[in-house]
Amino acid sequence: MTKLNIKKLTLIASLFVSLITFAQDNNDIKKYTSSNKGKFYISWGGNRETFSQSDIHFKGEDYDFTIKNASARDKPKGWHIDYINPTRITIPQTNFKLGYFINDHYSIALGVDHMKYVLVENTTKSLTGHINLPVSEPGSQFNGTFNGEDYFVSREFLQFEHTNGLNYVYAEFARHDDISSIFNLPNTDKFQVNITEGLGAGILYPKTNTTLLLKERYDQFHISGYGVHLNVGLNLTFFKHFYIQGDLRGGFINMPDIRTTNNTNDSASQHFWFLQRVISVGGIFRL
């Protein structure tokens, strides 16, 4: 073989290696999951909730009292078609989020957590304050002065629920990190693992179902306060566009203006901590 032929073969081999390297690099660049900037994401899911105890203060023209260390629970629907039934979608405990990536790692989002808060009824709690309704009114049988003694809080005395619901409407700022390499996943366009951490704040817009001292209840949506939260999540993305995400979201809710009856002078206030466990499905895309 002549020196000229050897030089030609060497040049061809070098070009071939360069093309392979370029193709590999170009393939990495073209991976949809290699960059997030400019993408939108949307999700829908369900949750379970845990609430701390709270002092609930009720006040009106003829009463002013506080129930100490009130306990509450959520109202789960379980696995049910109502989560995707448009006519009954507000019945279960749900979570909606719409977000936008401002760069590869950070996003901003708007969300609505439809939680449900149900006061545990027919329990003995400590009461302070007074009730002094006119004797001609229903509920006057509960009249008295309370100095912290135990009192049986019956369903007739009080039914207190944010069940349609404890609606938390918030904005969130979050960080996203691809950790697929930890699991040796070579093609993230087929399967990708991400972790997220977020910080958010918003308003509480509940529809509170309350029957207080046998008064007629107020059953309308009302801005009652604010909330703040922290969120951590694990995101599993399939075929670039679809994902399942589990979130642990904890925060603080303060509601100083809860409507309880049709009388605008009647109101309640409370604040408490909450913890949500959320499972959602979603999509991620560019417009």
Protein backbone atom coordinates (compact mmCIF):
# COMPACT_ATOMS: atom_id res chain seq x y z
CA MET A 1 0.00 0.00 0.00
CA THR A 2 1.42 3.36 -1.02
CA LYS A 3 1.96 6.23 1.40
CA LEU A 4 -0.72 8.20 -0.46
CA ASN A 5 -3.32 5.50 0.10
CA ILE A 6 -2.40 5.26 3.78
CA LYS A 7 -2.88 9.03 4.13
CA LYS A 8 -6.26 8.79 2.40
CA LEU A 9 -7.41 5.99 4.69
CA THR A 10 -6.21 7.89 7.75
CA LEU A 11 -8.09 10.99 6.61
CA ILE A 12 -11.27 8.99 5.93
CA ALA A 13 -11.05 7.28 9.32
CA SER A 14 -10.57 10.63 11.06
CA LEU A 15 -13.58 12.10 9.28
CA PHE A 16 -15.68 9.03 10.17
CA VAL A 17 -14.79 9.32 13.89
CA SER A 18 -15.54 13.05 13.80
CA LEU A 19 -18.94 12.42 12.21
CA ILE A 20 -19.81 9.80 14.84
CA THR A 21 -18.76 12.16 17.65
CA PHE A 22 -20.73 15.04 16.13
CA ALA A 23 -23.78 12.83 15.65
CA GLN A 24 -23.64 11.72 19.27
CA ASP A 25 -23.25 15.29 20.51
CA ASN A 26 -26.01 16.48 18.20
CA ASN A 27 -28.28 13.67 19.41
CA ASP A 28 -27.76 14.80 23.01
CA ILE A 29 -28.60 18.38 22.06
CA LYS A 30 -31.78 17.26 20.34
CA LYS A 31 -33.05 15.36 23.38
CA TYR A 32 -36.33 17.03 24.33
CA THR A 33 -35.59 16.50 28.02
CA SER A 34 -32.11 18.06 27.88
CA SER A 35 -33.56 21.57 28.27
CA ASN A 36 -36.65 22.87 30.09
CA LYS A 37 -36.55 26.59 29.32
CA GLY A 38 -39.75 27.75 27.62
CA LYS A 39 -41.78 24.65 28.44
CA PHE A 40 -45.21 24.64 30.07
CA TYR A 41 -46.52 21.94 32.38
CA ILE A 42 -49.99 21.12 33.66
CA SER A 43 -51.15 18.56 36.21
CA TRP A 44 -54.23 17.19 37.92
CA GLY A 45 -54.34 14.95 40.98
CA GLY A 46 -55.73 14.04 44.36
CA ASN A 47 -54.60 14.39 47.94
CA ARG A 48 -54.90 13.38 51.57
CA GLU A 49 -54.50 15.95 54.32
CA THR A 50 -53.53 16.20 57.96
CA PHE A 51 -54.27 19.29 60.07
CA SER A 52 -52.89 20.48 63.36
CA GLN A 53 -55.21 21.38 66.22
CA SER A 54 -56.36 25.00 66.31
CA ASP A 55 -58.27 27.45 68.46
CA ILE A 56 -61.45 28.56 66.65
CA HIS A 57 -62.85 31.93 67.70
CA PHE A 58 -66.55 32.65 67.01
CA LYS A 59 -68.02 36.10 67.47
CA GLY A 60 -71.33 37.83 66.81
CA GLU A 61 -73.77 40.32 68.29
CA ASP A 62 -74.73 38.05 71.20
CA TYR A 63 -71.78 35.71 71.57
CA ASP A 64 -68.00 35.65 71.68
CA PHE A 65 -66.31 32.36 72.49
CA THR A 66 -63.32 30.19 71.56
CA ILE A 67 -63.06 26.42 71.22
CA LYS A 68 -59.57 25.42 72.33
CA ASN A 69 -57.47 22.80 70.50
CA ALA A 70 -60.17 21.85 67.99
CA SER A 71 -59.33 18.78 65.88
CA ALA A 72 -60.19 18.24 62.24
CA ARG A 73 -59.86 15.61 59.54
CA ASP A 74 -60.08 15.51 55.77
CA LYS A 75 -62.89 13.89 53.75
CA PRO A 76 -61.34 11.50 51.23
CA LYS A 77 -63.25 10.17 48.25
CA GLY A 78 -60.89 7.27 47.53
CA TRP A 79 -60.28 5.95 44.03
CA HIS A 80 -63.29 7.27 42.16
CA ILE A 81 -64.49 8.34 38.71
CA ASP A 82 -65.42 11.75 40.16
CA TYR A 83 -61.76 12.82 39.82
CA ILE A 84 -62.29 13.03 36.05
CA ASN A 85 -66.06 13.59 35.89
CA PRO A 86 -66.54 17.28 34.89
CA THR A 87 -69.94 17.50 36.62
CA ARG A 88 -68.63 16.19 39.96
CA ILE A 89 -65.00 17.21 39.87
CA THR A 90 -65.23 19.41 42.99
CA ILE A 91 -66.48 16.58 45.20
CA PRO A 92 -63.13 14.80 45.78
CA GLN A 93 -59.99 16.42 47.19
CA THR A 94 -58.08 17.60 44.13
CA ASN A 95 -54.99 19.53 43.01
CA PHE A 96 -54.46 21.57 39.83
CA LYS A 97 -51.25 23.27 38.72
CA LEU A 98 -50.13 25.16 35.61
CA GLY A 99 -46.49 26.17 35.34
CA TYR A 100 -43.84 27.67 33.05
CA PHE A 101 -40.06 27.12 33.03
CA ILE A 102 -38.22 30.45 33.08
CA ASN A 103 -34.95 28.52 32.61
CA ASP A 104 -33.76 24.92 32.71
CA HIS A 105 -34.05 24.58 36.49
CA TYR A 106 -36.62 27.10 37.73
CA SER A 107 -40.33 27.47 37.12
CA ILE A 108 -43.24 29.64 38.21
CA ALA A 109 -46.71 28.17 38.61
CA LEU A 110 -50.30 28.85 39.62
CA GLY A 111 -52.20 26.18 41.51
CA VAL A 112 -55.44 25.36 43.29
CA ASP A 113 -55.50 22.85 46.14
CA HIS A 114 -59.06 21.75 46.84
CA MET A 115 -58.74 20.42 50.38
CA LYS A 116 -61.52 19.50 52.81
CA TYR A 117 -61.53 20.36 56.52
CA VAL A 118 -64.09 18.75 58.83
CA LEU A 119 -64.25 19.62 62.52
CA VAL A 120 -64.43 16.49 64.66
CA GLU A 121 -67.89 16.68 66.23
CA ASN A 122 -69.44 15.39 69.44
CA THR A 123 -66.25 15.79 71.46
CA THR A 124 -65.44 17.47 74.74
CA LYS A 125 -63.33 20.61 74.40
CA SER A 126 -62.28 23.56 76.53
CA LEU A 127 -64.40 26.72 75.95
CA THR A 128 -63.76 30.33 76.93
CA GLY A 129 -66.07 33.31 76.42
CA HIS A 130 -69.83 33.75 76.53
CA ILE A 131 -73.11 33.12 74.66
CA ASN A 132 -76.07 35.39 75.46
CA LEU A 133 -78.72 34.93 72.76
CA PRO A 134 -82.25 36.32 73.33
CA VAL A 135 -84.32 33.60 75.01
CA SER A 136 -86.82 33.76 72.16
CA GLU A 137 -84.21 32.68 69.60
CA PRO A 138 -83.26 29.11 68.70
CA GLY A 139 -79.90 28.31 70.25
CA SER A 140 -80.54 30.21 73.48
CA GLN A 141 -80.32 26.89 75.32
CA PHE A 142 -76.57 27.14 74.81
CA ASN A 143 -76.34 30.46 76.71
CA GLY A 144 -73.65 30.62 79.36
CA THR A 145 -70.29 31.94 80.45
CA PHE A 146 -67.25 29.71 79.90
CA ASN A 147 -63.96 29.93 81.73
CA GLY A 148 -61.96 27.13 80.16
CA GLU A 149 -63.99 24.25 81.55
CA ASP A 150 -64.71 21.14 79.48
CA TYR A 151 -67.77 21.44 77.26
CA PHE A 152 -69.42 18.85 75.03
CA VAL A 153 -69.38 20.30 71.50
CA SER A 154 -72.37 18.57 69.94
CA ARG A 155 -73.43 18.66 66.29
CA GLU A 156 -76.43 20.80 67.35
CA PHE A 157 -74.08 23.30 68.99
CA LEU A 158 -71.67 23.48 66.04
CA GLN A 159 -71.12 21.90 62.66
CA PHE A 160 -68.02 23.42 61.06
CA GLU A 161 -66.66 22.27 57.70
CA HIS A 162 -64.62 23.74 54.85
CA THR A 163 -65.78 20.99 52.52
CA ASN A 164 -66.45 22.76 49.25
CA GLY A 165 -63.74 23.28 50.11
CA LEU A 166 -60.67 24.55 51.89
CA ASN A 167 -59.57 26.11 48.59
CA TYR A 168 -55.96 27.29 48.54
CA VAL A 169 -55.21 29.37 45.43
CA TYR A 170 -51.47 30.02 45.22
CA ALA A 171 -48.42 31.02 43.21
CA GLU A 172 -45.27 28.92 43.49
CA PHE A 173 -41.59 29.28 42.61
CA ALA A 174 -39.83 25.91 42.20
CA ARG A 175 -36.52 24.29 41.29
CA HIS A 176 -36.30 21.11 39.16
CA ASP A 177 -33.31 18.76 38.89
CA ASP A 178 -32.84 15.76 36.62
CA ILE A 179 -31.39 12.89 38.70
CA SER A 180 -31.69 10.21 35.99
CA SER A 181 -27.92 9.68 35.96
CA ILE A 182 -28.08 8.30 39.50
CA PHE A 183 -30.12 5.42 38.10
CA ASN A 184 -27.98 5.02 34.95
CA LEU A 185 -30.82 5.95 32.62
CA PRO A 186 -29.18 6.63 29.22
CA ASN A 187 -32.17 8.02 27.30
CA THR A 188 -34.17 10.54 29.32
CA ASP A 189 -36.51 11.07 26.38
CA LYS A 190 -37.93 7.64 27.21
CA PHE A 191 -37.80 7.83 31.00
CA GLN A 192 -36.59 10.60 33.28
CA VAL A 193 -36.47 11.08 37.05
CA ASN A 194 -36.61 14.58 38.54
CA ILE A 195 -36.83 16.06 42.00
CA THR A 196 -38.55 19.38 42.72
CA GLU A 197 -38.55 21.83 45.61
CA GLY A 198 -40.95 24.76 45.77
CA LEU A 199 -42.05 27.73 47.86
CA GLY A 200 -45.50 29.26 47.49
CA ALA A 201 -48.13 31.57 48.95
CA GLY A 202 -51.73 32.41 48.23
CA ILE A 203 -55.26 33.07 49.43
CA LEU A 204 -57.87 30.84 51.07
CA TYR A 205 -61.21 30.91 49.26
CA PRO A 206 -63.38 28.42 51.12
CA LYS A 207 -67.06 27.62 50.95
CA THR A 208 -67.61 26.98 54.65
CA ASN A 209 -70.57 24.83 55.66
CA THR A 210 -71.33 25.95 59.22
CA THR A 211 -74.34 25.49 61.47
CA LEU A 212 -73.67 27.56 64.58
CA LEU A 213 -76.07 27.76 67.56
CA LEU A 214 -78.92 26.62 65.27
CA LYS A 215 -78.54 29.75 63.08
CA GLU A 216 -79.08 29.69 59.33
CA ARG A 217 -75.79 28.93 57.64
CA TYR A 218 -73.90 31.02 55.10
CA ASP A 219 -73.05 28.82 52.11
CA GLN A 220 -71.08 30.96 49.66
CA PHE A 221 -67.44 31.26 48.61
CA HIS A 222 -65.56 33.90 50.58
CA ILE A 223 -61.93 35.06 50.75
CA SER A 224 -61.06 34.19 54.35
CA GLY A 225 -57.30 34.50 54.68
CA TYR A 226 -53.93 33.42 53.35
CA GLY A 227 -51.51 30.50 53.32
CA VAL A 228 -47.84 29.74 52.72
CA HIS A 229 -46.24 26.40 51.90
CA LEU A 230 -43.11 24.41 51.08
CA ASN A 231 -43.20 21.52 48.60
CA VAL A 232 -40.90 18.62 47.70
CA GLY A 233 -41.71 16.22 44.91
CA LEU A 234 -40.53 13.25 42.86
CA ASN A 235 -41.36 13.41 39.15
CA LEU A 236 -41.30 10.45 36.74
CA THR A 237 -41.52 11.56 33.10
CA PHE A 238 -42.36 9.11 30.29
CA PHE A 239 -41.74 9.62 26.56
CA LYS A 240 -40.82 13.30 26.98
CA HIS A 241 -44.34 14.64 27.57
CA PHE A 242 -46.17 12.68 30.27
CA TYR A 243 -45.47 12.39 33.96
CA ILE A 244 -46.58 11.09 37.33
CA GLN A 245 -45.59 13.14 40.36
CA GLY A 246 -45.75 12.61 44.09
CA ASP A 247 -45.57 15.67 46.34
CA LEU A 248 -45.29 16.32 50.05
CA ARG A 249 -46.65 19.81 50.72
CA GLY A 250 -46.68 21.41 54.14
CA GLY A 251 -47.63 24.88 55.24
CA PHE A 252 -49.47 27.35 57.41
CA ILE A 253 -53.00 28.71 56.96
CA ASN A 254 -54.41 31.80 58.69
CA MET A 255 -58.09 32.65 58.22
CA PRO A 256 -59.16 35.71 60.23
CA ASP A 257 -62.45 36.23 58.36
CA ILE A 258 -64.55 33.06 57.99
CA ARG A 259 -68.23 33.62 57.22
CA THR A 260 -70.51 31.47 59.42
CA THR A 261 -74.09 32.79 59.04
CA ASN A 262 -76.09 35.14 56.80
CA ASN A 263 -75.53 37.89 59.38
CA THR A 264 -72.41 39.84 58.36
CA ASN A 265 -71.68 40.49 62.05
CA ASP A 266 -71.09 36.78 62.61
CA SER A 267 -67.67 35.37 61.79
CA ALA A 268 -64.99 32.93 62.88
CA SER A 269 -61.20 32.90 62.80
CA GLN A 270 -58.55 30.21 63.10
CA HIS A 271 -55.00 29.32 62.05
CA PHE A 272 -53.34 25.92 61.72
CA TRP A 273 -50.62 23.87 60.01
CA PHE A 274 -51.37 21.42 57.23
CA LEU A 275 -49.61 18.54 55.46
CA GLN A 276 -50.70 17.21 52.06
CA ARG A 277 -49.74 14.01 50.28
CA VAL A 278 -50.43 14.53 46.58
CA ILE A 279 -50.38 12.18 43.58
CA SER A 280 -50.89 13.83 40.20
CA VAL A 281 -50.58 13.14 36.47
CA GLY A 282 -49.54 15.74 33.96
CA GLY A 283 -47.98 16.81 30.72
CA ILE A 284 -45.04 18.99 29.70
CA PHE A 285 -44.79 20.71 26.32
CA ARG A 286 -43.68 23.72 24.29
CA LEU A 287 -46.18 25.90 22.48
